[in-house]
Amino acid sequence: MSKTLDPVTLAILNGRLEQIADEMDATLYRSAFNPIIAEARDACHGLYHAETGATLVQGTRGLPIFVGAMAFAVKAVIDKVKKDGDELAPGDTYLFNDPYAGGTHLNDFRLVRPVFRDGELYCWIASVGHWLDIGGNVPGGFNAKATESFQEGVRIPPVKLIANGVMNRDLIDILAANSRVPASNYGDLNGQLNALDLGEKRLADVLEAYGDDIVAAAFEAFSDRAEAMMREAVRALPDGVYTFEDYLDNDGITADKLTIALDLTISGDEMTLDFSRSSAPCAGPLNIAYSTAAACCYVALKHVFTAVPANAGCLRPITFNIPETTLLGVKPPKPVGGYTETILRVIGVVFGALAKADPALATAGPFGTINALSVAGYRDDGSRYVMFSFFGGGLGGNPESDGLNHANNPISMATIPPAEILEASYPVKFTQWALRPDSAGAGRHRGGVGAVYELETMTDADVFLLGERGIYPPLGVAGGGDAALNRFVWETDEGERSPELASKVADVRVRPGQKVRIESPGGGGFGDPKTREPEKVARDVRLGFVSREAARETYGVVLDDKGDVDPTETRNLREGAAA
């Protein structure tokens, strides 16, 4: 049927259907209570296949890791309906946050709703957003010391929140009783419900305008096109097996490193991603479930093959081997609250293996941690607050340019919450929000520089951090240097302290006026630093990205008292180093 649709009609429908998801995103961003959705855009919406849950359409602004995982989430609801023999009705809405059944971690709540046409199930529509707090030992949910999911928050399997138009108030009461900030969660829930309502209305408008069969044919055509484009992209790579490994500092419980290992096989127009050599499930919260690991691979491939449309068709040529014997395919109750750190490393090893297949795709490592920071306490009026935020760093240098300064990670379209919004929402004050000198990996194309974030609290507060790259830095490629390590510091009456396990700590207590500081990594460098144009190095020094000492020692560039390049001294220094 899809072959009968002309290209113009397909293009128009593609735009209109993507716009539905984009409008749903915007609706939630504008109505959510917590800044992680409203400002950081930690959310996603889309349309999904009636029988399989496969992704039909995603928006252009949703969080990429959610885009990859949502098909598993919708399939979990479909399986629930079949198992229970449930009768579906228009407006029915399922809610869950189970990370082992198509979720990511417990803070990410999914709402899934069937869409009917003439009494028949036509497709599913879904929303996911990061709620601020859902119980557990640590405010905000990022418990670096968790050894089972029960310590990370309340786990909700797929349950019917709305049945025949009636909200299950008992479920709302249970969710409220298990959160330190129930009003924030309730506001986010209603924002998601409003987004679903709008999406359903917009889809009905499209179906009325074009007809159910035409839109269904367009869905099929979009998936077929994505498959064809992905096969073409894979076919362009040389056949072979390409391996890459990277490491996580530790699991928050012991100091042992965790290995993320990939064997990537290209055979014609098909690709196999085999993670079976990765570390076993760990004691701490750095595990992830199969659906999350598969979603990481989707995100990585979309970054590399940017022209391929975002729907289920692009994964048809891809085979995954993600055994339960690894930390990438765990079952409950293994803790998964630190999933954000692990998925960054999974994406990174996919990039690394693909770069071996085609060096033109080589990009140095990004800063590779979200630095999940929670600050919690009581305001002067006695009300509870939980500030959660994530932070930026530098992206890796590449064959064409330097890496971005103070950027977000490849998992995300999210924006780093502004300091002004965080200060307006919580009793904290930022005393630094600046670029971090000498944090980027040196290279012909240097990495982007990381940042320094320092804040002080206005109240007694508990502080928790779950981060990475405190021991194993973002990697340089093609002769480029590694970036600086991540660093976390807090003030005590005896002076500054840092975590024993690098970038993970729980149960830090600070008094009003005492500061906590994150110094995030930059990105790795690309190419030999001694081949970087001296004028670019001088400019980096003027802008504060690189110190004079690093310019001389790492780049072999000598500057005069005015900051200009001394060509003779620079030439002598570089020639001497080469000799």
Protein backbone atom coordinates (compact mmCIF):
# COMPACT_ATOMS: atom_id res chain seq x y z
CA MET A 1 0.00 0.00 0.00
CA SER A 2 2.82 2.42 0.86
CA LYS A 3 4.13 2.34 -2.72
CA THR A 4 0.98 4.08 -3.96
CA LEU A 5 1.71 7.23 -1.96
CA ASP A 6 3.43 9.98 -3.88
CA PRO A 7 6.57 11.63 -2.40
CA VAL A 8 4.84 14.95 -1.78
CA THR A 9 2.09 13.35 0.30
CA LEU A 10 4.66 11.35 2.25
CA ALA A 11 6.72 14.46 2.96
CA ILE A 12 3.68 16.39 4.15
CA LEU A 13 2.51 13.55 6.39
CA ASN A 14 5.99 13.09 7.80
CA GLY A 15 6.08 16.75 8.79
CA ARG A 16 2.59 16.76 10.25
CA LEU A 17 3.12 13.58 12.25
CA GLU A 18 6.48 14.72 13.61
CA GLN A 19 4.81 17.98 14.55
CA ILE A 20 2.36 16.04 16.73
CA ALA A 21 5.24 14.69 18.85
CA ASP A 22 6.93 18.10 18.88
CA GLU A 23 3.73 19.76 20.14
CA MET A 24 3.37 17.13 22.82
CA ASP A 25 6.94 17.83 23.93
CA ALA A 26 6.28 21.58 24.01
CA THR A 27 3.07 21.12 25.99
CA LEU A 28 4.87 19.20 28.70
CA TYR A 29 7.84 21.58 28.79
CA ARG A 30 5.49 24.50 29.37
CA SER A 31 3.34 22.85 32.03
CA ALA A 32 5.76 20.68 34.03
CA PHE A 33 6.49 21.71 37.61
CA ASN A 34 10.10 20.57 37.92
CA PRO A 35 12.98 22.28 36.06
CA ILE A 36 14.42 19.00 34.77
CA ILE A 37 11.44 18.75 32.43
CA ALA A 38 10.46 22.41 32.09
CA GLU A 39 13.99 23.71 31.45
CA ALA A 40 16.20 20.68 30.76
CA ARG A 41 13.57 18.95 28.55
CA ASP A 42 14.11 15.52 30.07
CA ALA A 43 11.08 14.06 28.27
CA CYS A 44 9.88 12.45 25.05
CA HIS A 45 6.67 11.68 23.10
CA GLY A 46 5.74 9.60 20.08
CA LEU A 47 3.37 7.29 18.20
CA TYR A 48 3.73 3.50 18.27
CA HIS A 49 2.49 0.44 16.36
CA ALA A 50 -0.79 -1.04 17.58
CA GLU A 51 0.39 -4.66 17.73
CA THR A 52 4.16 -4.54 18.24
CA GLY A 53 4.75 -1.20 19.97
CA ALA A 54 7.41 -0.38 17.37
CA THR A 55 8.21 3.30 16.95
CA LEU A 56 6.20 4.93 14.17
CA VAL A 57 6.98 8.60 14.69
CA GLN A 58 9.16 10.52 17.12
CA GLY A 59 9.57 14.25 17.53
CA THR A 60 12.71 16.21 16.83
CA ARG A 61 13.25 17.44 20.41
CA GLY A 62 12.64 14.44 22.63
CA LEU A 63 15.44 13.01 24.74
CA PRO A 64 17.24 10.57 22.40
CA ILE A 65 17.69 7.81 24.97
CA PHE A 66 13.94 7.87 25.60
CA VAL A 67 13.31 7.75 21.86
CA GLY A 68 15.20 4.47 21.72
CA ALA A 69 13.62 2.92 24.82
CA MET A 70 9.98 3.88 24.32
CA ALA A 71 9.17 1.04 21.92
CA PHE A 72 10.10 -1.41 24.68
CA ALA A 73 7.87 0.51 27.10
CA VAL A 74 4.85 0.36 24.81
CA LYS A 75 5.48 -3.35 24.19
CA ALA A 76 5.46 -3.89 27.96
CA VAL A 77 1.97 -2.38 28.13
CA ILE A 78 0.79 -4.47 25.17
CA ASP A 79 2.07 -7.61 26.92
CA LYS A 80 0.30 -6.55 30.13
CA VAL A 81 -3.00 -6.10 28.29
CA LYS A 82 -2.72 -9.52 26.62
CA LYS A 83 -1.69 -11.27 29.82
CA ASP A 84 -4.58 -9.84 31.83
CA GLY A 85 -7.12 -10.07 29.02
CA ASP A 86 -7.82 -6.41 29.65
CA GLU A 87 -10.57 -4.61 27.72
CA LEU A 88 -9.27 -1.35 26.31
CA ALA A 89 -11.39 1.75 25.95
CA PRO A 90 -10.73 5.22 24.55
CA GLY A 91 -8.81 7.36 27.04
CA ASP A 92 -7.43 4.43 29.03
CA THR A 93 -3.95 5.34 30.21
CA TYR A 94 -1.25 3.11 31.68
CA LEU A 95 1.45 4.43 33.99
CA PHE A 96 4.73 2.83 35.02
CA ASN A 97 8.39 3.45 35.76
CA ASP A 98 9.72 -0.13 35.80
CA PRO A 99 13.29 0.11 34.41
CA TYR A 100 13.37 -3.60 33.61
CA ALA A 101 10.23 -3.48 31.43
CA GLY A 102 11.08 -0.81 28.91
CA GLY A 103 12.00 1.92 31.38
CA THR A 104 15.36 3.50 32.15
CA HIS A 105 15.48 4.32 35.86
CA LEU A 106 12.78 4.84 38.47
CA ASN A 107 12.50 8.61 38.08
CA ASP A 108 11.37 8.28 34.46
CA PHE A 109 7.57 7.83 34.40
CA ARG A 110 5.87 6.60 31.24
CA LEU A 111 2.24 7.11 30.26
CA VAL A 112 0.92 4.91 27.44
CA ARG A 113 -2.53 5.31 25.85
CA PRO A 114 -4.34 3.43 23.07
CA VAL A 115 -5.78 5.41 20.16
CA PHE A 116 -8.98 4.05 18.60
CA ARG A 117 -10.60 4.59 15.21
CA ASP A 118 -14.14 3.33 14.63
CA GLY A 119 -13.86 1.13 17.70
CA GLU A 120 -10.59 -0.52 16.61
CA LEU A 121 -7.13 -0.01 18.11
CA TYR A 122 -5.22 2.12 15.60
CA CYS A 123 -1.93 2.86 17.42
CA TRP A 124 -0.48 3.85 20.78
CA ILE A 125 0.59 7.27 21.97
CA ALA A 126 3.06 7.70 24.82
CA SER A 127 4.84 10.20 27.06
CA VAL A 128 7.85 9.93 29.36
CA GLY A 129 9.25 12.51 31.76
CA HIS A 130 11.76 12.61 34.62
CA TRP A 131 9.98 13.13 37.95
CA LEU A 132 11.96 14.87 40.65
CA ASP A 133 11.71 12.40 43.53
CA ILE A 134 10.08 8.99 43.93
CA GLY A 135 11.33 7.91 47.34
CA GLY A 136 14.33 5.73 48.05
CA ASN A 137 17.28 6.38 50.32
CA VAL A 138 18.51 9.47 48.47
CA PRO A 139 16.48 12.59 47.58
CA GLY A 140 16.34 12.80 43.80
CA GLY A 141 16.92 9.07 43.31
CA PHE A 142 20.60 9.01 42.30
CA ASN A 143 21.81 6.80 45.13
CA ALA A 144 25.49 6.04 44.51
CA LYS A 145 25.44 3.46 47.34
CA ALA A 146 22.36 1.51 46.24
CA THR A 147 22.80 -2.27 46.11
CA GLU A 148 19.21 -3.08 45.10
CA SER A 149 16.41 -1.17 43.39
CA PHE A 150 14.41 -0.88 46.61
CA GLN A 151 16.97 1.66 47.81
CA GLU A 152 16.39 3.82 44.71
CA GLY A 153 12.67 4.46 44.97
CA VAL A 154 9.22 3.00 44.41
CA ARG A 155 8.90 0.70 41.39
CA ILE A 156 5.57 0.73 39.55
CA PRO A 157 4.81 -1.96 36.95
CA PRO A 158 2.41 -1.10 34.09
CA VAL A 159 -0.89 -0.26 35.81
CA LYS A 160 -4.03 1.44 34.53
CA LEU A 161 -4.09 5.02 35.78
CA ILE A 162 -7.25 5.95 33.86
CA ALA A 163 -9.99 3.42 33.04
CA ASN A 164 -13.13 4.37 31.13
CA GLY A 165 -12.37 8.02 31.76
CA VAL A 166 -11.98 7.66 35.54
CA MET A 167 -8.69 8.43 37.29
CA ASN A 168 -7.47 5.88 39.83
CA ARG A 169 -7.09 8.19 42.83
CA ASP A 170 -5.70 5.38 45.00
CA LEU A 171 -2.70 5.12 42.68
CA ILE A 172 -2.19 8.89 42.87
CA ASP A 173 -2.24 8.66 46.68
CA ILE A 174 0.34 5.86 46.65
CA LEU A 175 2.66 7.87 44.40
CA ALA A 176 2.25 10.99 46.58
CA ALA A 177 3.00 9.05 49.76
CA ASN A 178 6.26 7.80 48.27
CA SER A 179 7.74 11.17 47.28
CA ARG A 180 9.40 13.97 49.20
CA VAL A 181 7.90 16.47 46.74
CA PRO A 182 4.47 15.08 45.75
CA ALA A 183 3.15 18.39 44.40
CA SER A 184 5.97 18.55 41.85
CA ASN A 185 5.28 15.00 40.67
CA TYR A 186 1.54 15.64 40.45
CA GLY A 187 2.15 18.70 38.32
CA ASP A 188 4.40 16.73 35.98
CA LEU A 189 1.82 13.94 35.75
CA ASN A 190 -0.88 16.36 34.69
CA GLY A 191 1.48 17.91 32.17
CA GLN A 192 2.02 14.49 30.62
CA LEU A 193 -1.72 13.78 30.54
CA ASN A 194 -2.31 17.11 28.81
CA ALA A 195 0.36 16.21 26.26
CA LEU A 196 -1.39 12.90 25.53
CA ASP A 197 -4.74 14.68 25.15
CA LEU A 198 -3.24 17.13 22.67
CA GLY A 199 -1.44 14.41 20.74
CA GLU A 200 -4.61 12.37 20.41
CA LYS A 201 -6.51 15.42 19.13
CA ARG A 202 -3.80 16.35 16.61
CA LEU A 203 -3.61 12.77 15.33
CA ALA A 204 -7.38 12.71 14.86
CA ASP A 205 -7.11 15.89 12.77
CA VAL A 206 -4.53 14.25 10.48
CA LEU A 207 -6.56 11.06 10.16
CA GLU A 208 -9.69 13.01 9.30
CA ALA A 209 -7.81 14.99 6.67
CA TYR A 210 -6.05 12.07 4.94
CA GLY A 211 -7.89 8.92 6.00
CA ASP A 212 -6.83 6.08 8.26
CA ASP A 213 -5.51 3.87 5.46
CA ILE A 214 -3.36 6.59 3.91
CA VAL A 215 -1.73 7.45 7.25
CA ALA A 216 -1.16 3.75 8.01
CA ALA A 217 0.47 3.37 4.60
CA ALA A 218 2.68 6.37 5.39
CA PHE A 219 3.79 4.76 8.66
CA GLU A 220 4.81 1.66 6.72
CA ALA A 221 6.63 3.71 4.11
CA PHE A 222 8.56 5.67 6.75
CA SER A 223 9.79 2.45 8.38
CA ASP A 224 10.74 0.87 5.05
CA ARG A 225 12.68 4.00 4.08
CA ALA A 226 14.54 4.05 7.41
CA GLU A 227 15.50 0.40 6.96
CA ALA A 228 16.73 0.98 3.41
CA MET A 229 18.82 3.98 4.45
CA MET A 230 20.36 2.14 7.40
CA ARG A 231 21.23 -0.84 5.21
CA GLU A 232 22.86 1.48 2.72
CA ALA A 233 24.90 3.15 5.47
CA VAL A 234 26.04 -0.20 6.89
CA ARG A 235 26.86 -1.56 3.43
CA ALA A 236 29.22 1.39 2.90
CA LEU A 237 31.41 0.15 5.76
CA PRO A 238 34.01 -2.58 5.15
CA ASP A 239 33.09 -6.06 6.36
CA GLY A 240 34.91 -7.15 9.49
CA VAL A 241 34.91 -7.32 13.27
CA TYR A 242 35.79 -4.11 15.11
CA THR A 243 36.39 -4.04 18.84
CA PHE A 244 36.49 -1.24 21.37
CA GLU A 245 36.57 -1.01 25.16
CA ASP A 246 36.18 1.73 27.72
CA TYR A 247 35.77 1.81 31.47
CA LEU A 248 33.62 3.09 34.29
CA ASP A 249 35.51 4.27 37.38
CA ASN A 250 33.65 1.98 39.81
CA ASP A 251 30.15 0.97 40.85
CA GLY A 252 29.93 3.21 43.92
CA ILE A 253 30.42 0.25 46.27
CA THR A 254 33.91 -1.01 45.45
CA ALA A 255 36.86 0.61 43.69
CA ASP A 256 36.95 -2.00 40.91
CA LYS A 257 36.65 -0.66 37.37
CA LEU A 258 33.85 -1.82 35.08
CA THR A 259 34.54 -2.72 31.46
CA ILE A 260 32.17 -1.91 28.61
CA ALA A 261 33.39 -4.02 25.67
CA LEU A 262 31.94 -4.18 22.17
CA ASP A 263 32.61 -6.51 19.26
CA LEU A 264 30.95 -4.93 16.23
CA THR A 265 30.54 -7.08 13.14
CA ILE A 266 29.76 -5.72 9.68
CA SER A 267 28.51 -8.25 7.14
CA GLY A 268 27.08 -6.76 3.99
CA ASP A 269 24.13 -4.57 4.96
CA GLU A 270 23.77 -6.02 8.47
CA MET A 271 25.48 -5.16 11.75
CA THR A 272 25.82 -7.13 14.99
CA LEU A 273 26.61 -5.43 18.28
CA ASP A 274 27.97 -7.95 20.78
CA PHE A 275 28.54 -6.75 24.36
CA SER A 276 29.13 -10.20 25.89
CA ARG A 277 32.71 -9.36 27.00
CA SER A 278 31.50 -6.55 29.26
CA SER A 279 31.75 -6.78 33.04
CA ALA A 280 29.32 -8.87 35.04
CA PRO A 281 26.40 -7.21 36.87
CA CYS A 282 27.82 -4.99 39.58
CA ALA A 283 26.82 -4.47 43.19
CA GLY A 284 26.15 -0.74 42.77
CA PRO A 285 23.75 1.29 40.60
CA LEU A 286 25.78 1.31 37.35
CA ASN A 287 23.79 -1.57 35.83
CA ILE A 288 21.26 -1.14 33.02
CA ALA A 289 18.50 -3.31 31.56
CA TYR A 290 18.49 -4.77 28.03
CA SER A 291 16.02 -2.20 26.69
CA THR A 292 18.22 0.65 27.90
CA ALA A 293 21.34 -0.88 26.35
CA ALA A 294 19.59 -1.35 23.00
CA ALA A 295 18.37 2.24 23.17
CA CYS A 296 21.98 3.41 23.67
CA CYS A 297 23.00 1.70 20.45
CA TYR A 298 20.09 3.36 18.64
CA VAL A 299 21.26 6.77 19.90
CA ALA A 300 24.86 6.12 18.84
CA LEU A 301 23.88 4.96 15.36
CA LYS A 302 21.61 7.97 14.90
CA HIS A 303 24.49 10.27 15.79
CA VAL A 304 26.68 8.65 13.13
CA PHE A 305 24.04 8.11 10.44
CA THR A 306 22.19 11.37 10.85
CA ALA A 307 20.07 11.12 7.69
CA VAL A 308 18.32 7.90 8.77
CA PRO A 309 14.77 8.64 10.06
CA ALA A 310 13.96 8.00 13.72
CA ASN A 311 11.64 5.00 13.66
CA ALA A 312 11.78 1.25 14.18
CA GLY A 313 12.83 0.55 10.60
CA CYS A 314 16.38 1.72 11.21
CA LEU A 315 16.98 -1.13 13.67
CA ARG A 316 15.87 -3.94 11.35
CA PRO A 317 19.43 -4.53 10.02
CA ILE A 318 20.86 -4.49 13.57
CA THR A 319 21.30 -7.51 15.85
CA PHE A 320 22.07 -7.13 19.55
CA ASN A 321 23.82 -9.57 21.87
CA ILE A 322 23.41 -8.17 25.38
CA PRO A 323 23.51 -11.11 27.80
CA GLU A 324 22.05 -11.10 31.31
CA THR A 325 25.54 -12.14 32.45
CA THR A 326 26.71 -8.55 31.88
CA LEU A 327 25.89 -5.32 33.66
CA LEU A 328 24.08 -4.22 30.46
CA GLY A 329 21.22 -6.70 30.66
CA VAL A 330 20.29 -7.04 34.33
CA LYS A 331 17.05 -8.17 35.92
CA PRO A 332 15.42 -6.91 39.14
CA PRO A 333 16.30 -6.12 41.82
CA LYS A 334 19.75 -5.10 40.57
CA PRO A 335 20.08 -1.31 41.03
CA VAL A 336 20.04 0.81 37.85
CA GLY A 337 19.74 4.36 39.19
CA GLY A 338 23.11 5.41 37.79
CA TYR A 339 22.15 4.33 34.28
CA THR A 340 23.04 7.73 32.83
CA GLU A 341 26.73 7.07 33.36
CA THR A 342 26.71 3.59 31.86
CA ILE A 343 24.76 4.53 28.75
CA LEU A 344 27.31 7.24 27.99
CA ARG A 345 30.03 4.62 27.96
CA VAL A 346 27.95 2.28 25.78
CA ILE A 347 27.42 5.05 23.24
CA GLY A 348 31.12 5.83 23.39
CA VAL A 349 32.22 2.29 22.57
CA VAL A 350 29.83 2.17 19.60
CA PHE A 351 31.45 5.38 18.35
CA GLY A 352 34.90 3.87 18.93
CA ALA A 353 34.19 0.64 17.08
CA LEU A 354 32.61 2.45 14.12
CA ALA A 355 35.65 4.73 13.95
CA LYS A 356 37.84 1.66 13.48
CA ALA A 357 35.61 0.58 10.61
CA ASP A 358 35.84 4.06 9.06
CA PRO A 359 38.46 6.48 10.48
CA ALA A 360 36.53 9.36 8.91
CA LEU A 361 33.92 8.75 11.63
CA ALA A 362 36.48 9.07 14.43
CA THR A 363 35.61 11.56 17.14
CA ALA A 364 37.46 11.87 20.42
CA GLY A 365 35.62 11.03 23.63
CA PRO A 366 33.13 13.53 25.10
CA PHE A 367 33.25 14.41 28.78
CA GLY A 368 31.11 11.36 29.47
CA THR A 369 29.29 12.08 32.75
CA ILE A 370 26.14 13.97 33.71
CA ASN A 371 27.38 14.66 37.27
CA ALA A 372 23.95 13.98 38.79
CA LEU A 373 23.86 16.34 41.77
CA SER A 374 21.12 16.35 44.40
CA VAL A 375 20.87 18.96 47.14
CA ALA A 376 18.03 18.50 49.63
CA GLY A 377 16.81 20.13 52.80
CA TYR A 378 14.09 22.28 54.34
CA ARG A 379 13.25 25.88 53.52
CA ASP A 380 12.80 28.46 56.26
CA ASP A 381 9.02 27.89 56.15
CA GLY A 382 9.53 24.20 56.88
CA SER A 383 8.72 22.94 53.39
CA ARG A 384 10.88 20.23 51.84
CA TYR A 385 12.96 20.86 48.73
CA VAL A 386 14.92 18.55 46.45
CA MET A 387 17.16 20.18 43.88
CA PHE A 388 18.37 17.80 41.22
CA SER A 389 20.42 18.89 38.25
CA PHE A 390 22.94 17.63 35.75
CA PHE A 391 25.84 19.54 34.24
CA GLY A 392 27.85 19.95 31.05
CA GLY A 393 31.38 19.50 29.79
CA GLY A 394 33.44 19.41 26.61
CA LEU A 395 32.83 17.31 23.51
CA GLY A 396 35.62 15.57 21.61
CA GLY A 397 37.71 16.99 18.80
CA ASN A 398 37.01 15.51 15.38
CA PRO A 399 38.55 15.44 11.88
CA GLU A 400 36.97 18.76 10.97
CA SER A 401 36.88 20.93 14.09
CA ASP A 402 37.46 21.42 17.79
CA GLY A 403 34.93 19.97 20.20
CA LEU A 404 32.14 22.09 21.62
CA ASN A 405 32.79 23.89 24.90
CA HIS A 406 30.37 23.38 27.80
CA ALA A 407 28.04 21.13 25.85
CA ASN A 408 25.63 18.36 26.72
CA ASN A 409 26.30 14.65 26.28
CA PRO A 410 25.41 12.64 23.16
CA ILE A 411 22.49 11.02 25.01
CA SER A 412 20.57 14.23 25.10
CA MET A 413 18.74 17.05 23.42
CA ALA A 414 18.29 18.38 26.95
CA THR A 415 19.61 21.75 27.97
CA ILE A 416 21.55 22.29 31.18
CA PRO A 417 19.17 23.99 33.63
CA PRO A 418 20.08 27.70 33.92
CA ALA A 419 21.61 28.89 37.18
CA GLU A 420 18.90 31.56 37.46
CA ILE A 421 16.11 28.96 37.35
CA LEU A 422 17.79 26.76 39.95
CA GLU A 423 18.40 29.74 42.24
CA ALA A 424 14.79 30.87 41.85
CA SER A 425 13.44 27.39 42.60
CA TYR A 426 15.66 26.36 45.51
CA PRO A 427 17.57 28.00 48.40
CA VAL A 428 20.96 27.81 46.67
CA LYS A 429 23.34 30.40 45.20
CA PHE A 430 25.87 29.76 42.45
CA THR A 431 29.23 31.42 43.10
CA GLN A 432 30.88 30.05 39.92
CA TRP A 433 29.52 29.02 36.54
CA ALA A 434 32.57 29.19 34.30
CA LEU A 435 34.66 27.41 31.69
CA ARG A 436 37.48 25.26 33.12
CA PRO A 437 40.96 26.07 31.73
CA ASP A 438 43.18 23.19 30.55
CA SER A 439 40.33 20.70 30.84
CA ALA A 440 40.24 19.82 27.13
CA GLY A 441 42.33 17.11 25.52
CA ALA A 442 45.06 18.67 23.37
CA GLY A 443 45.19 18.00 19.66
CA ARG A 444 45.34 19.41 16.17
CA HIS A 445 41.66 19.86 16.90
CA ARG A 446 41.41 20.15 20.66
CA GLY A 447 38.47 18.95 22.71
CA GLY A 448 35.91 21.34 24.06
CA VAL A 449 36.60 22.66 27.55
CA GLY A 450 34.64 21.59 30.58
CA ALA A 451 33.16 23.81 33.24
CA VAL A 452 33.32 24.78 36.90
CA TYR A 453 30.05 24.88 38.86
CA GLU A 454 30.18 26.03 42.45
CA LEU A 455 27.19 26.65 44.67
CA GLU A 456 26.47 27.32 48.30
CA THR A 457 23.29 26.47 50.14
CA MET A 458 21.14 28.85 52.15
CA THR A 459 20.11 26.06 54.54
CA ASP A 460 21.55 22.96 56.14
CA ALA A 461 21.52 20.49 53.29
CA ASP A 462 22.34 16.94 52.29
CA VAL A 463 24.39 16.59 49.10
CA PHE A 464 24.70 13.56 46.81
CA LEU A 465 26.68 13.12 43.60
CA LEU A 466 26.70 10.30 41.08
CA GLY A 467 29.22 10.94 38.34
CA GLU A 468 32.02 9.36 36.33
CA ARG A 469 35.32 10.08 34.55
CA GLY A 470 37.07 10.68 37.85
CA ILE A 471 39.64 7.95 37.12
CA TYR A 472 39.41 7.11 33.40
CA PRO A 473 39.49 10.31 31.34
CA PRO A 474 37.73 11.09 28.05
CA LEU A 475 39.96 9.59 25.40
CA GLY A 476 41.87 11.38 22.65
CA VAL A 477 42.16 9.82 19.19
CA ALA A 478 44.61 9.91 16.28
CA GLY A 479 47.39 11.15 18.55
CA GLY A 480 45.23 13.58 20.50
CA GLY A 481 45.50 13.93 24.27
CA ASP A 482 43.05 12.76 26.91
CA ALA A 483 40.92 15.35 28.68
CA ALA A 484 41.10 16.32 32.34
CA LEU A 485 39.46 14.12 34.95
CA ASN A 486 36.18 14.95 36.63
CA ARG A 487 36.52 16.48 40.10
CA PHE A 488 34.04 17.06 42.93
CA VAL A 489 34.81 19.08 46.07
CA TRP A 490 32.83 20.17 49.10
CA GLU A 491 33.74 22.43 52.01
CA THR A 492 33.91 21.27 55.62
CA ASP A 493 35.02 22.96 58.81
CA GLU A 494 38.38 21.25 58.30
CA GLY A 495 38.80 22.29 54.65
CA GLU A 496 37.90 20.89 51.26
CA ARG A 497 37.16 17.20 50.71
CA SER A 498 36.67 14.94 47.68
CA PRO A 499 35.00 11.50 47.38
CA GLU A 500 37.03 8.37 48.06
CA LEU A 501 35.50 6.78 44.96
CA ALA A 502 36.29 9.70 42.64
CA SER A 503 32.95 11.10 41.50
CA LYS A 504 30.43 9.26 43.67
CA VAL A 505 29.41 10.23 47.17
CA ALA A 506 26.39 10.08 49.46
CA ASP A 507 25.53 11.54 52.85
CA VAL A 508 27.53 14.76 52.58
CA ARG A 509 26.20 17.39 54.98
CA VAL A 510 26.86 21.11 54.47
CA ARG A 511 25.92 24.17 56.47
CA PRO A 512 24.67 27.49 55.09
CA GLY A 513 27.48 29.21 53.18
CA GLN A 514 29.54 26.07 52.64
CA LYS A 515 30.19 25.34 48.99
CA VAL A 516 30.18 22.32 46.73
CA ARG A 517 32.02 22.41 43.41
CA ILE A 518 32.01 20.32 40.26
CA GLU A 519 34.90 20.62 37.81
CA SER A 520 33.72 18.75 34.75
CA PRO A 521 35.99 17.17 32.12
CA GLY A 522 36.53 18.51 28.65
CA GLY A 523 36.52 16.38 25.52
CA GLY A 524 39.43 14.39 24.17
CA GLY A 525 41.70 15.84 21.48
CA PHE A 526 42.02 14.81 17.83
CA GLY A 527 45.45 14.60 16.17
CA ASP A 528 48.95 15.55 17.27
CA PRO A 529 48.87 18.74 19.40
CA LYS A 530 52.19 19.84 17.86
CA THR A 531 50.42 20.19 14.50
CA ARG A 532 47.82 22.65 15.78
CA GLU A 533 48.11 26.05 14.16
CA PRO A 534 50.05 28.31 16.57
CA GLU A 535 47.61 31.19 16.09
CA LYS A 536 44.76 28.96 17.27
CA VAL A 537 46.76 28.10 20.38
CA ALA A 538 47.40 31.80 21.03
CA ARG A 539 43.68 32.49 20.67
CA ASP A 540 42.88 29.67 23.13
CA VAL A 541 45.24 31.27 25.63
CA ARG A 542 43.67 34.71 25.19
CA LEU A 543 40.21 33.20 25.75
CA GLY A 544 41.35 31.32 28.85
CA PHE A 545 40.81 27.84 27.39
CA VAL A 546 44.50 26.94 27.57
CA SER A 547 47.17 28.21 29.97
CA ARG A 548 50.50 29.62 28.79
CA GLU A 549 52.22 26.66 30.39
CA ALA A 550 50.11 24.15 28.49
CA ALA A 551 50.59 26.10 25.26
CA ARG A 552 54.34 25.68 25.63
CA GLU A 553 54.58 22.19 27.10
CA THR A 554 51.75 20.45 25.27
CA TYR A 555 51.39 22.36 22.00
CA GLY A 556 54.98 23.55 21.62
CA VAL A 557 53.83 27.16 21.14
CA VAL A 558 55.77 30.04 22.71
CA LEU A 559 53.99 33.34 23.33
CA ASP A 560 55.60 36.72 23.89
CA ASP A 561 54.68 39.17 26.65
CA LYS A 562 51.74 40.47 24.57
CA GLY A 563 50.32 36.99 24.03
CA ASP A 564 51.32 36.80 20.39
CA VAL A 565 53.07 33.79 18.87
CA ASP A 566 56.87 33.94 18.87
CA PRO A 567 57.44 32.17 15.54
CA THR A 568 61.15 31.54 15.98
CA GLU A 569 60.93 30.10 19.49
CA THR A 570 57.87 28.07 18.52
CA ARG A 571 59.62 26.59 15.49
CA ASN A 572 62.71 25.75 17.52
CA LEU A 573 60.65 24.17 20.29
CA ARG A 574 58.59 22.04 17.92
CA GLU A 575 61.58 20.97 15.84
CA GLY A 576 63.46 20.07 19.01
CA ALA A 577 60.52 18.00 20.26
CA ALA A 578 60.26 16.23 16.89
CA ALA A 579 63.97 15.41 16.97
